[in-house]
Structure formats: structure tokens, C-alpha cells
Amino acid sequence: IALLAAVSQPVAAGQRPANAPRMKRGRQGDAKDLAPQRSGEDDTQIGLPTVQCKVETRGQDLKGLASPSDSEQQRLEAHTPIVGVLAMQGAFVEHINVLRSLGVPAREVRKPEHLVDLKGLIIPGGESTAIILAAQRSGLLEPLKEWVKKNKPTWGTCAGLILLSDHIAEASQKKGGQELLGGLDVTCFRNFFGAQVHSCEKQLTVVPGIFPSSDAFSAVFIRAPAVIRIGPQVKSLATLQLEDGKEVWVAVQQGNLLATAFHPELTGDTRWHSYFLSIVNSGCSEPFDARC
């Protein structure tokens, strides 16, 4: 499926300097090797070329995951750190099912008091504006901002990545702007890969050391954003190569904040959830800490 071009002209926030080095892709290097090279000491940014995302594994059955019973869930909550999933809108049920299949108690977060005693929080994919508006109505927006500001373990998928970004590319910004939680020193481009009908599934590779087994994984993109600039404290975990050979970031981490442009909860592959749980359990706060 051929996708729409992101934009015909690069935006200021994502414009690639004329003297910036070409991007390199390491085969078995570290995160620094995989990411586009930094164009300066402050941050890294790239332009916005034409995008095409071809379906590679469309039609794959996404198998459901068994969840524990209510009594088993209560037992887990008594002995295991609780992870919350923001349940305003979007794919929160799928995240909860994955967590519970891994033996982790999961709580739907709809009110400020639901954040109490949580050890980690997932902000699911969905519609970022709808999530923010619902959080405002429930009095949860400011507590969420405070949660992220304290660098508590937080993972944003798709719309969650948008909300955790400090900046939105001007060319993709909604009229009147958009409220964000912030926390990640990145510039995000909304709907980078096109509309809902252009959703696709790609086989990508994460940087070595993130997963205990194979570095390859399947990434489902649904009206997905992409990161077009990362700051010096942001760690690149996965990138997607575009038609012209350039790359955008699709998985990044800064301290305890993790963000993916794709939907791991829709693939039946639980390794991204396990990786986030390792952040929750380690309590690390440095962006390049080996435990992160």
C-alpha cells in the first residue's frame, strides 16, 4: 500500500541542515550506531521525505491473550507492582490484557486517585486530542503532567508518543495547537504515515540488548506519528527507513519515559511490554543506564 507523502516541503523543526552528515545504519552496533547521526551538540533532526510503508505481513492473525480471573488479579495486586493504563480512549483494553497475561496486575486509570500506588503507567494509542480532553474533564490532566515530570516509568504508544513529546512539528500541528504532557525532548510529526486506510505492518529491528532473544519485531502502524528530532538525552531504540534512504525514529527512550509510534499490544508479541516492565522494576532514571 503506497502512503501519502508526509509533506512536500520540510518543516522548520525537522529541516535537515545542508552540511549534516548522511545517516548510517549499524548492523550490530549500539543505539548511537543505529540512529541518524547527530547534526550538533544540542539535538538531532531530519527532514521529511516522501513516505511509503508497504504491507509485509498483513492478514496475520492477532491472537488474544488469556487474562487471570478476578480473584487471581486481586492476589497479584497484593504481591506485584501495579501498572496503570490510561483508560480515557483508545487501545487500553489490549494493553491490560497483555499485562495480565504476563502476571502483572493492571489498573484502568480514569481519575487522579487511580494513580495512587502505581509503579508504571501506559498511555495507549487512540486519538490524542480526545485523550487530553477526557483527562481535563476528569481532573486528571495536571496529575498526569506531574507524574511525567517526576520521571516515573511511563510508556506512550502511538497517540501516547504524541502526548509525551515536548514539541509537535508545525506542519502536522492541529489548528489552535494541542495540549501535551511533554517529558520527551523530541519533535513528533502527527499522522506521519498517512490516514487510517494507510495502516500497515512492518518488520523492524530494535537496537541490540533490548530484547533477550531476536532483535527483529513486527510493528503495526495505525495513523502513526514519527519522531523527526531527538535531543541529546534521548536514546534511539528503533528507526524506520524511508524510500529515499533516510530514517525516522519510531521508538525512543529518555530516562524512565518510553515511546513507540507503533502498537505492540496488537501483535501478540509481549517483548515490548516486558521491556517496559524491566524499567518499572529497575527504577532507573538515567537515559543511558544499562538497565534501561
C-alpha atoms as a PDB file:
ATOM      1  CA  ILE A   1       0.000   0.000   0.000  1.00  0.00           C
ATOM      2  CA  ALA A   2       1.535   3.275  -1.054  1.00  0.00           C
ATOM      3  CA  LEU A   3       1.156   6.019   1.504  1.00  0.00           C
ATOM      4  CA  LEU A   4       0.670   9.748   1.209  1.00  0.00           C
ATOM      5  CA  ALA A   5       3.700  11.997   1.231  1.00  0.00           C
ATOM      6  CA  ALA A   6       4.159  13.454   4.701  1.00  0.00           C
ATOM      7  CA  VAL A   7       4.681  16.956   3.344  1.00  0.00           C
ATOM      8  CA  SER A   8       6.023  18.421   0.131  1.00  0.00           C
ATOM      9  CA  GLN A   9       8.404  20.765   1.911  1.00  0.00           C
ATOM     10  CA  PRO A  10      10.339  20.098   5.142  1.00  0.00           C
ATOM     11  CA  VAL A  11       9.155  21.979   8.208  1.00  0.00           C
ATOM     12  CA  ALA A  12      11.469  24.225  10.144  1.00  0.00           C
ATOM     13  CA  ALA A  13      11.616  21.948  13.166  1.00  0.00           C
ATOM     14  CA  GLY A  14      12.549  18.980  11.030  1.00  0.00           C
ATOM     15  CA  GLN A  15      14.636  20.582   8.298  1.00  0.00           C
ATOM     16  CA  ARG A  16      17.902  18.787   7.730  1.00  0.00           C
ATOM     17  CA  PRO A  17      20.933  21.107   7.628  1.00  0.00           C
ATOM     18  CA  ALA A  18      22.735  21.115   4.283  1.00  0.00           C
ATOM     19  CA  ASN A  19      26.020  20.170   5.940  1.00  0.00           C
ATOM     20  CA  ALA A  20      24.520  17.467   8.157  1.00  0.00           C
ATOM     21  CA  PRO A  21      26.155  14.037   7.748  1.00  0.00           C
ATOM     22  CA  ARG A  22      24.342  11.250   5.959  1.00  0.00           C
ATOM     23  CA  MET A  23      22.515   8.770   8.185  1.00  0.00           C
ATOM     24  CA  LYS A  24      24.156   5.446   8.923  1.00  0.00           C
ATOM     25  CA  ARG A  25      22.655   2.177   9.987  1.00  0.00           C
ATOM     26  CA  GLY A  26      24.775  -0.135  12.080  1.00  0.00           C
ATOM     27  CA  ARG A  27      24.237  -3.869  11.747  1.00  0.00           C
ATOM     28  CA  GLN A  28      25.157  -4.906  15.247  1.00  0.00           C
ATOM     29  CA  GLY A  29      26.132  -1.590  16.789  1.00  0.00           C
ATOM     30  CA  ASP A  30      24.744   0.225  19.776  1.00  0.00           C
ATOM     31  CA  ALA A  31      21.898   2.726  19.806  1.00  0.00           C
ATOM     32  CA  LYS A  32      24.191   5.500  18.661  1.00  0.00           C
ATOM     33  CA  ASP A  33      25.116   3.499  15.540  1.00  0.00           C
ATOM     34  CA  LEU A  34      21.501   2.796  14.617  1.00  0.00           C
ATOM     35  CA  ALA A  35      20.208   6.340  14.966  1.00  0.00           C
ATOM     36  CA  PRO A  36      20.712   9.080  12.378  1.00  0.00           C
ATOM     37  CA  GLN A  37      23.929  10.855  13.240  1.00  0.00           C
ATOM     38  CA  ARG A  38      23.653  13.939  15.395  1.00  0.00           C
ATOM     39  CA  SER A  39      23.977  17.207  13.479  1.00  0.00           C
ATOM     40  CA  GLY A  40      25.150  19.179  16.505  1.00  0.00           C
ATOM     41  CA  GLU A  41      25.706  19.089  20.218  1.00  0.00           C
ATOM     42  CA  ASP A  42      22.148  20.102  21.118  1.00  0.00           C
ATOM     43  CA  ASP A  43      19.967  17.649  19.225  1.00  0.00           C
ATOM     44  CA  THR A  44      19.426  15.590  16.099  1.00  0.00           C
ATOM     45  CA  GLN A  45      16.892  16.399  13.443  1.00  0.00           C
ATOM     46  CA  ILE A  46      15.982  15.154   9.997  1.00  0.00           C
ATOM     47  CA  GLY A  47      13.906  16.351   7.065  1.00  0.00           C
ATOM     48  CA  LEU A  48      10.579  14.934   5.965  1.00  0.00           C
ATOM     49  CA  PRO A  49      10.889  12.978   2.711  1.00  0.00           C
ATOM     50  CA  THR A  50       8.122  11.155   0.868  1.00  0.00           C
ATOM     51  CA  VAL A  51       6.897   8.180   2.887  1.00  0.00           C
ATOM     52  CA  GLN A  52       5.870   4.738   1.731  1.00  0.00           C
ATOM     53  CA  CYS A  53       5.062   1.914   4.096  1.00  0.00           C
ATOM     54  CA  LYS A  54       4.328  -1.343   2.313  1.00  0.00           C
ATOM     55  CA  VAL A  55       2.365  -4.107   3.946  1.00  0.00           C
ATOM     56  CA  GLU A  56       4.617  -7.078   4.654  1.00  0.00           C
ATOM     57  CA  THR A  57       2.598  -9.299   6.980  1.00  0.00           C
ATOM     58  CA  ARG A  58      -0.966  -8.070   6.516  1.00  0.00           C
ATOM     59  CA  GLY A  59      -3.553 -10.710   7.351  1.00  0.00           C
ATOM     60  CA  GLN A  60      -1.607 -12.158  10.257  1.00  0.00           C
ATOM     61  CA  ASP A  61      -3.934 -13.413  12.987  1.00  0.00           C
ATOM     62  CA  LEU A  62      -3.542 -11.355  16.135  1.00  0.00           C
ATOM     63  CA  LYS A  63      -4.218 -13.921  18.815  1.00  0.00           C
ATOM     64  CA  GLY A  64      -5.933 -12.941  22.048  1.00  0.00           C
ATOM     65  CA  LEU A  65      -4.110 -13.343  25.338  1.00  0.00           C
ATOM     66  CA  ALA A  66      -5.608 -15.098  28.322  1.00  0.00           C
ATOM     67  CA  SER A  67      -6.170 -12.945  31.405  1.00  0.00           C
ATOM     68  CA  PRO A  68      -6.256 -14.130  35.023  1.00  0.00           C
ATOM     69  CA  SER A  69      -9.535 -14.385  36.918  1.00  0.00           C
ATOM     70  CA  ASP A  70     -10.697 -11.571  39.225  1.00  0.00           C
ATOM     71  CA  SER A  71      -9.516 -13.481  42.303  1.00  0.00           C
ATOM     72  CA  GLU A  72      -6.143 -14.108  40.704  1.00  0.00           C
ATOM     73  CA  GLN A  73      -5.916 -10.416  39.797  1.00  0.00           C
ATOM     74  CA  GLN A  74      -6.523  -9.440  43.444  1.00  0.00           C
ATOM     75  CA  ARG A  75      -3.818 -11.852  44.549  1.00  0.00           C
ATOM     76  CA  LEU A  76      -1.383 -10.361  42.038  1.00  0.00           C
ATOM     77  CA  GLU A  77      -2.088  -6.814  43.183  1.00  0.00           C
ATOM     78  CA  ALA A  78      -1.179  -7.799  46.732  1.00  0.00           C
ATOM     79  CA  HIS A  79       2.305  -9.008  45.729  1.00  0.00           C
ATOM     80  CA  THR A  80       3.250  -7.314  42.439  1.00  0.00           C
ATOM     81  CA  PRO A  81       3.840  -3.683  41.418  1.00  0.00           C
ATOM     82  CA  ILE A  82       0.682  -2.368  39.780  1.00  0.00           C
ATOM     83  CA  VAL A  83       0.892  -0.868  36.288  1.00  0.00           C
ATOM     84  CA  GLY A  84      -1.822   1.537  35.209  1.00  0.00           C
ATOM     85  CA  VAL A  85      -3.190   2.033  31.710  1.00  0.00           C
ATOM     86  CA  LEU A  86      -4.792   5.380  30.896  1.00  0.00           C
ATOM     87  CA  ALA A  87      -8.364   4.364  30.017  1.00  0.00           C
ATOM     88  CA  MET A  88      -9.813   7.528  28.529  1.00  0.00           C
ATOM     89  CA  GLN A  89      -9.992   6.337  24.941  1.00  0.00           C
ATOM     90  CA  GLY A  90      -8.099   4.073  22.559  1.00  0.00           C
ATOM     91  CA  ALA A  91      -6.471   0.648  22.879  1.00  0.00           C
ATOM     92  CA  PHE A  92      -6.277   0.450  26.680  1.00  0.00           C
ATOM     93  CA  VAL A  93      -8.033  -2.935  26.946  1.00  0.00           C
ATOM     94  CA  GLU A  94      -5.434  -4.584  24.715  1.00  0.00           C
ATOM     95  CA  HIS A  95      -2.581  -3.293  26.904  1.00  0.00           C
ATOM     96  CA  ILE A  96      -4.341  -4.507  30.044  1.00  0.00           C
ATOM     97  CA  ASN A  97      -4.807  -7.974  28.558  1.00  0.00           C
ATOM     98  CA  VAL A  98      -1.107  -8.221  27.691  1.00  0.00           C
ATOM     99  CA  LEU A  99      -0.020  -7.094  31.167  1.00  0.00           C
ATOM    100  CA  ARG A 100      -2.320  -9.554  32.887  1.00  0.00           C
ATOM    101  CA  SER A 101      -1.167 -12.370  30.607  1.00  0.00           C
ATOM    102  CA  LEU A 102       2.349 -11.630  31.915  1.00  0.00           C
ATOM    103  CA  GLY A 103       1.125 -11.960  35.500  1.00  0.00           C
ATOM    104  CA  VAL A 104       1.172  -8.206  36.156  1.00  0.00           C
ATOM    105  CA  PRO A 105      -1.833  -6.538  37.810  1.00  0.00           C
ATOM    106  CA  ALA A 106      -3.158  -3.767  35.595  1.00  0.00           C
ATOM    107  CA  ARG A 107      -5.455  -0.934  36.588  1.00  0.00           C
ATOM    108  CA  GLU A 108      -7.600   1.269  34.374  1.00  0.00           C
ATOM    109  CA  VAL A 109      -6.722   4.890  35.117  1.00  0.00           C
ATOM    110  CA  ARG A 110      -9.658   7.298  34.771  1.00  0.00           C
ATOM    111  CA  LYS A 111      -9.376   9.543  37.862  1.00  0.00           C
ATOM    112  CA  PRO A 112      -6.499  11.155  39.798  1.00  0.00           C
ATOM    113  CA  GLU A 113      -6.894   8.680  42.658  1.00  0.00           C
ATOM    114  CA  HIS A 114      -6.228   5.811  40.251  1.00  0.00           C
ATOM    115  CA  LEU A 115      -2.581   6.930  40.048  1.00  0.00           C
ATOM    116  CA  VAL A 116      -2.053   6.157  43.738  1.00  0.00           C
ATOM    117  CA  ASP A 117       0.339   3.227  44.344  1.00  0.00           C
ATOM    118  CA  LEU A 118       1.079   2.754  40.654  1.00  0.00           C
ATOM    119  CA  LYS A 119       4.637   1.822  39.697  1.00  0.00           C
ATOM    120  CA  GLY A 120       4.222   2.472  35.985  1.00  0.00           C
ATOM    121  CA  LEU A 121       1.766   3.965  33.503  1.00  0.00           C
ATOM    122  CA  ILE A 122       0.947   3.176  29.859  1.00  0.00           C
ATOM    123  CA  ILE A 123      -0.650   5.832  27.643  1.00  0.00           C
ATOM    124  CA  PRO A 124      -2.252   3.877  24.792  1.00  0.00           C
ATOM    125  CA  GLY A 125      -2.837   4.631  21.149  1.00  0.00           C
ATOM    126  CA  GLY A 126      -6.080   6.301  20.163  1.00  0.00           C
ATOM    127  CA  GLU A 127      -6.898   9.946  19.455  1.00  0.00           C
ATOM    128  CA  SER A 128      -4.517  12.236  21.303  1.00  0.00           C
ATOM    129  CA  THR A 129      -6.906  15.206  21.423  1.00  0.00           C
ATOM    130  CA  ALA A 130      -9.763  13.058  22.732  1.00  0.00           C
ATOM    131  CA  ILE A 131      -7.493  11.606  25.423  1.00  0.00           C
ATOM    132  CA  ILE A 132      -6.428  15.078  26.564  1.00  0.00           C
ATOM    133  CA  LEU A 133      -9.990  16.424  26.611  1.00  0.00           C
ATOM    134  CA  ALA A 134     -11.209  13.435  28.628  1.00  0.00           C
ATOM    135  CA  ALA A 135      -8.301  13.857  31.064  1.00  0.00           C
ATOM    136  CA  GLN A 136      -9.193  17.531  31.504  1.00  0.00           C
ATOM    137  CA  ARG A 137     -12.842  16.737  32.234  1.00  0.00           C
ATOM    138  CA  SER A 138     -11.899  14.128  34.823  1.00  0.00           C
ATOM    139  CA  GLY A 139      -9.357  16.360  36.563  1.00  0.00           C
ATOM    140  CA  LEU A 140      -6.556  14.006  35.541  1.00  0.00           C
ATOM    141  CA  LEU A 141      -4.542  16.231  33.196  1.00  0.00           C
ATOM    142  CA  GLU A 142      -2.443  18.070  35.789  1.00  0.00           C
ATOM    143  CA  PRO A 143      -1.784  14.892  37.856  1.00  0.00           C
ATOM    144  CA  LEU A 144      -0.604  13.204  34.638  1.00  0.00           C
ATOM    145  CA  LYS A 145       1.746  16.086  33.884  1.00  0.00           C
ATOM    146  CA  GLU A 146       3.108  15.881  37.415  1.00  0.00           C
ATOM    147  CA  TRP A 147       3.555  12.105  37.072  1.00  0.00           C
ATOM    148  CA  VAL A 148       5.609  12.511  33.898  1.00  0.00           C
ATOM    149  CA  LYS A 149       7.545  15.477  35.308  1.00  0.00           C
ATOM    150  CA  LYS A 150       8.736  13.237  38.154  1.00  0.00           C
ATOM    151  CA  ASN A 151      10.183  10.831  35.551  1.00  0.00           C
ATOM    152  CA  LYS A 152       8.017   7.958  36.730  1.00  0.00           C
ATOM    153  CA  PRO A 153       8.009   4.927  34.391  1.00  0.00           C
ATOM    154  CA  THR A 154       5.697   5.855  31.524  1.00  0.00           C
ATOM    155  CA  TRP A 155       5.214   4.288  28.103  1.00  0.00           C
ATOM    156  CA  GLY A 156       3.316   6.019  25.319  1.00  0.00           C
ATOM    157  CA  THR A 157       2.238   4.096  22.215  1.00  0.00           C
ATOM    158  CA  CYS A 158       1.190   5.956  19.049  1.00  0.00           C
ATOM    159  CA  ALA A 159      -1.039   8.742  20.452  1.00  0.00           C
ATOM    160  CA  GLY A 160       0.836   8.278  23.723  1.00  0.00           C
ATOM    161  CA  LEU A 161       4.077   9.152  21.918  1.00  0.00           C
ATOM    162  CA  ILE A 162       2.466  12.371  20.684  1.00  0.00           C
ATOM    163  CA  LEU A 163       1.370  13.315  24.205  1.00  0.00           C
ATOM    164  CA  LEU A 164       4.797  12.620  25.725  1.00  0.00           C
ATOM    165  CA  SER A 165       6.591  14.754  23.121  1.00  0.00           C
ATOM    166  CA  ASP A 166       7.803  18.220  24.036  1.00  0.00           C
ATOM    167  CA  HIS A 167       7.183  19.530  20.523  1.00  0.00           C
ATOM    168  CA  ILE A 168       4.891  18.857  17.550  1.00  0.00           C
ATOM    169  CA  ALA A 169       6.126  19.625  14.012  1.00  0.00           C
ATOM    170  CA  GLU A 170       4.425  22.769  12.772  1.00  0.00           C
ATOM    171  CA  ALA A 171       3.310  21.142   9.509  1.00  0.00           C
ATOM    172  CA  SER A 172       1.394  18.476  11.431  1.00  0.00           C
ATOM    173  CA  GLN A 173       0.071  20.666  14.240  1.00  0.00           C
ATOM    174  CA  LYS A 174      -3.683  20.947  14.732  1.00  0.00           C
ATOM    175  CA  LYS A 175      -5.287  24.343  14.261  1.00  0.00           C
ATOM    176  CA  GLY A 176      -5.008  26.162  17.563  1.00  0.00           C
ATOM    177  CA  GLY A 177      -2.330  23.794  18.836  1.00  0.00           C
ATOM    178  CA  GLN A 178      -2.633  20.843  21.178  1.00  0.00           C
ATOM    179  CA  GLU A 179      -2.141  20.281  24.888  1.00  0.00           C
ATOM    180  CA  LEU A 180       0.714  17.879  25.644  1.00  0.00           C
ATOM    181  CA  LEU A 181       2.078  16.117  28.707  1.00  0.00           C
ATOM    182  CA  GLY A 182       5.656  16.540  27.482  1.00  0.00           C
ATOM    183  CA  GLY A 183       8.734  14.977  29.038  1.00  0.00           C
ATOM    184  CA  LEU A 184      10.475  13.650  25.927  1.00  0.00           C
ATOM    185  CA  ASP A 185      12.910  16.042  24.265  1.00  0.00           C
ATOM    186  CA  VAL A 186      11.704  15.178  20.772  1.00  0.00           C
ATOM    187  CA  THR A 187       9.746  16.707  17.913  1.00  0.00           C
ATOM    188  CA  CYS A 188       6.893  14.499  16.781  1.00  0.00           C
ATOM    189  CA  PHE A 189       5.135  14.601  13.404  1.00  0.00           C
ATOM    190  CA  ARG A 190       1.481  13.587  13.729  1.00  0.00           C
ATOM    191  CA  ASN A 191      -0.008  11.117  11.175  1.00  0.00           C
ATOM    192  CA  PHE A 192       3.390  10.867   9.515  1.00  0.00           C
ATOM    193  CA  PHE A 193       2.474   7.704   7.590  1.00  0.00           C
ATOM    194  CA  GLY A 194      -0.933   8.841   6.330  1.00  0.00           C
ATOM    195  CA  ALA A 195      -4.555   8.237   7.231  1.00  0.00           C
ATOM    196  CA  GLN A 196      -6.294   5.241   8.815  1.00  0.00           C
ATOM    197  CA  VAL A 197      -6.651   3.470   5.458  1.00  0.00           C
ATOM    198  CA  HIS A 198      -2.875   3.506   5.065  1.00  0.00           C
ATOM    199  CA  SER A 199      -2.245   1.432   8.186  1.00  0.00           C
ATOM    200  CA  CYS A 200       0.402  -1.236   7.728  1.00  0.00           C
ATOM    201  CA  GLU A 201       2.669  -3.727   9.450  1.00  0.00           C
ATOM    202  CA  LYS A 202       6.458  -3.633   9.063  1.00  0.00           C
ATOM    203  CA  GLN A 203       9.263  -5.908  10.185  1.00  0.00           C
ATOM    204  CA  LEU A 204      11.815  -3.787  12.073  1.00  0.00           C
ATOM    205  CA  THR A 205      14.874  -4.280  14.254  1.00  0.00           C
ATOM    206  CA  VAL A 206      15.430  -2.914  17.727  1.00  0.00           C
ATOM    207  CA  VAL A 207      18.902  -1.954  18.932  1.00  0.00           C
ATOM    208  CA  PRO A 208      20.804  -4.924  20.418  1.00  0.00           C
ATOM    209  CA  GLY A 209      20.324  -5.586  24.123  1.00  0.00           C
ATOM    210  CA  ILE A 210      16.688  -4.504  24.411  1.00  0.00           C
ATOM    211  CA  PHE A 211      15.200  -7.958  23.855  1.00  0.00           C
ATOM    212  CA  PRO A 212      16.756 -11.125  25.292  1.00  0.00           C
ATOM    213  CA  SER A 213      16.144 -13.004  22.042  1.00  0.00           C
ATOM    214  CA  SER A 214      15.918 -11.873  18.406  1.00  0.00           C
ATOM    215  CA  ASP A 215      16.155  -8.138  17.742  1.00  0.00           C
ATOM    216  CA  ALA A 216      13.511  -8.365  14.988  1.00  0.00           C
ATOM    217  CA  PHE A 217       9.909  -7.434  15.735  1.00  0.00           C
ATOM    218  CA  SER A 218       6.665  -6.685  13.923  1.00  0.00           C
ATOM    219  CA  ALA A 219       5.451  -3.078  14.127  1.00  0.00           C
ATOM    220  CA  VAL A 220       1.815  -2.176  13.452  1.00  0.00           C
ATOM    221  CA  PHE A 221       1.375   1.449  12.325  1.00  0.00           C
ATOM    222  CA  ILE A 222      -2.136   2.945  12.510  1.00  0.00           C
ATOM    223  CA  ARG A 223      -2.328   6.677  11.706  1.00  0.00           C
ATOM    224  CA  ALA A 224       1.070   6.636  13.312  1.00  0.00           C
ATOM    225  CA  PRO A 225       3.294   9.544  14.257  1.00  0.00           C
ATOM    226  CA  ALA A 226       7.060   9.582  13.819  1.00  0.00           C
ATOM    227  CA  VAL A 227       9.849  11.349  15.671  1.00  0.00           C
ATOM    228  CA  ILE A 228      11.816  13.727  13.418  1.00  0.00           C
ATOM    229  CA  ARG A 229      14.136  15.246  16.038  1.00  0.00           C
ATOM    230  CA  ILE A 230      15.676  13.884  19.205  1.00  0.00           C
ATOM    231  CA  GLY A 231      17.537  15.747  21.921  1.00  0.00           C
ATOM    232  CA  PRO A 232      20.956  14.742  23.308  1.00  0.00           C
ATOM    233  CA  GLN A 233      19.469  12.831  26.258  1.00  0.00           C
ATOM    234  CA  VAL A 234      17.132  10.729  24.124  1.00  0.00           C
ATOM    235  CA  LYS A 235      18.095   7.158  23.288  1.00  0.00           C
ATOM    236  CA  SER A 236      17.137   5.717  19.896  1.00  0.00           C
ATOM    237  CA  LEU A 237      15.666   2.214  20.152  1.00  0.00           C
ATOM    238  CA  ALA A 238      14.301   1.682  16.634  1.00  0.00           C
ATOM    239  CA  THR A 239      14.102   3.568  13.348  1.00  0.00           C
ATOM    240  CA  LEU A 240      12.221   3.096  10.094  1.00  0.00           C
ATOM    241  CA  GLN A 241      13.953   3.594   6.767  1.00  0.00           C
ATOM    242  CA  LEU A 242      12.065   5.668   4.195  1.00  0.00           C
ATOM    243  CA  GLU A 243      12.062   5.438   0.404  1.00  0.00           C
ATOM    244  CA  ASP A 244      14.946   7.854  -0.057  1.00  0.00           C
ATOM    245  CA  GLY A 245      17.146   6.031   2.440  1.00  0.00           C
ATOM    246  CA  LYS A 246      16.576   8.456   5.298  1.00  0.00           C
ATOM    247  CA  GLU A 247      15.135   7.301   8.597  1.00  0.00           C
ATOM    248  CA  VAL A 248      12.698   8.436  11.240  1.00  0.00           C
ATOM    249  CA  TRP A 249      12.666   7.341  14.857  1.00  0.00           C
ATOM    250  CA  VAL A 250       9.785   5.049  15.849  1.00  0.00           C
ATOM    251  CA  ALA A 251      10.932   4.001  19.345  1.00  0.00           C
ATOM    252  CA  VAL A 252      12.788   6.245  21.793  1.00  0.00           C
ATOM    253  CA  GLN A 253      13.573   6.453  25.482  1.00  0.00           C
ATOM    254  CA  GLN A 254      14.603   9.218  27.850  1.00  0.00           C
ATOM    255  CA  GLY A 255      15.160   8.106  31.413  1.00  0.00           C
ATOM    256  CA  ASN A 256      12.051   6.254  32.534  1.00  0.00           C
ATOM    257  CA  LEU A 257       9.978   7.563  29.615  1.00  0.00           C
ATOM    258  CA  LEU A 258       9.486   5.124  26.730  1.00  0.00           C
ATOM    259  CA  ALA A 259       7.599   5.867  23.500  1.00  0.00           C
ATOM    260  CA  THR A 260       6.757   3.825  20.413  1.00  0.00           C
ATOM    261  CA  ALA A 261       4.993   5.013  17.258  1.00  0.00           C
ATOM    262  CA  PHE A 262       3.543   1.539  16.695  1.00  0.00           C
ATOM    263  CA  HIS A 263       1.168  -0.790  18.567  1.00  0.00           C
ATOM    264  CA  PRO A 264       2.920  -3.772  20.230  1.00  0.00           C
ATOM    265  CA  GLU A 265      -0.324  -4.653  22.020  1.00  0.00           C
ATOM    266  CA  LEU A 266      -1.869  -5.700  18.672  1.00  0.00           C
ATOM    267  CA  THR A 267       0.777  -8.209  17.599  1.00  0.00           C
ATOM    268  CA  GLY A 268       0.795 -10.963  20.212  1.00  0.00           C
ATOM    269  CA  ASP A 269       4.493 -10.168  20.852  1.00  0.00           C
ATOM    270  CA  THR A 270       4.903  -9.266  24.529  1.00  0.00           C
ATOM    271  CA  ARG A 271       8.578  -8.271  24.444  1.00  0.00           C
ATOM    272  CA  TRP A 272       7.940  -4.516  24.428  1.00  0.00           C
ATOM    273  CA  HIS A 273       5.697  -4.889  27.459  1.00  0.00           C
ATOM    274  CA  SER A 274       8.374  -6.985  29.159  1.00  0.00           C
ATOM    275  CA  TYR A 275      10.941  -4.301  28.371  1.00  0.00           C
ATOM    276  CA  PHE A 276       8.741  -1.611  29.915  1.00  0.00           C
ATOM    277  CA  LEU A 277       8.265  -3.796  32.991  1.00  0.00           C
ATOM    278  CA  SER A 278      12.059  -4.010  33.302  1.00  0.00           C
ATOM    279  CA  ILE A 279      12.115  -0.204  33.506  1.00  0.00           C
ATOM    280  CA  VAL A 280       9.343  -0.282  36.120  1.00  0.00           C
ATOM    281  CA  ASN A 281      11.178  -2.875  38.200  1.00  0.00           C
ATOM    282  CA  SER A 282      14.649  -1.375  37.915  1.00  0.00           C
ATOM    283  CA  GLY A 283      13.690   2.143  38.896  1.00  0.00           C
ATOM    284  CA  CYS A 284      16.456   3.524  36.708  1.00  0.00           C
ATOM    285  CA  SER A 285      16.412   7.187  35.819  1.00  0.00           C
ATOM    286  CA  GLU A 286      19.470   7.760  33.627  1.00  0.00           C
ATOM    287  CA  PRO A 287      18.786   7.689  29.856  1.00  0.00           C
ATOM    288  CA  PHE A 288      21.793   5.505  29.051  1.00  0.00           C
ATOM    289  CA  ASP A 289      21.706   3.331  32.155  1.00  0.00           C
ATOM    290  CA  ALA A 290      22.328  -0.275  31.069  1.00  0.00           C
ATOM    291  CA  ARG A 291      19.179  -1.313  32.958  1.00  0.00           C
ATOM    292  CA  CYS A 292      17.131   0.966  30.694  1.00  0.00           C
END
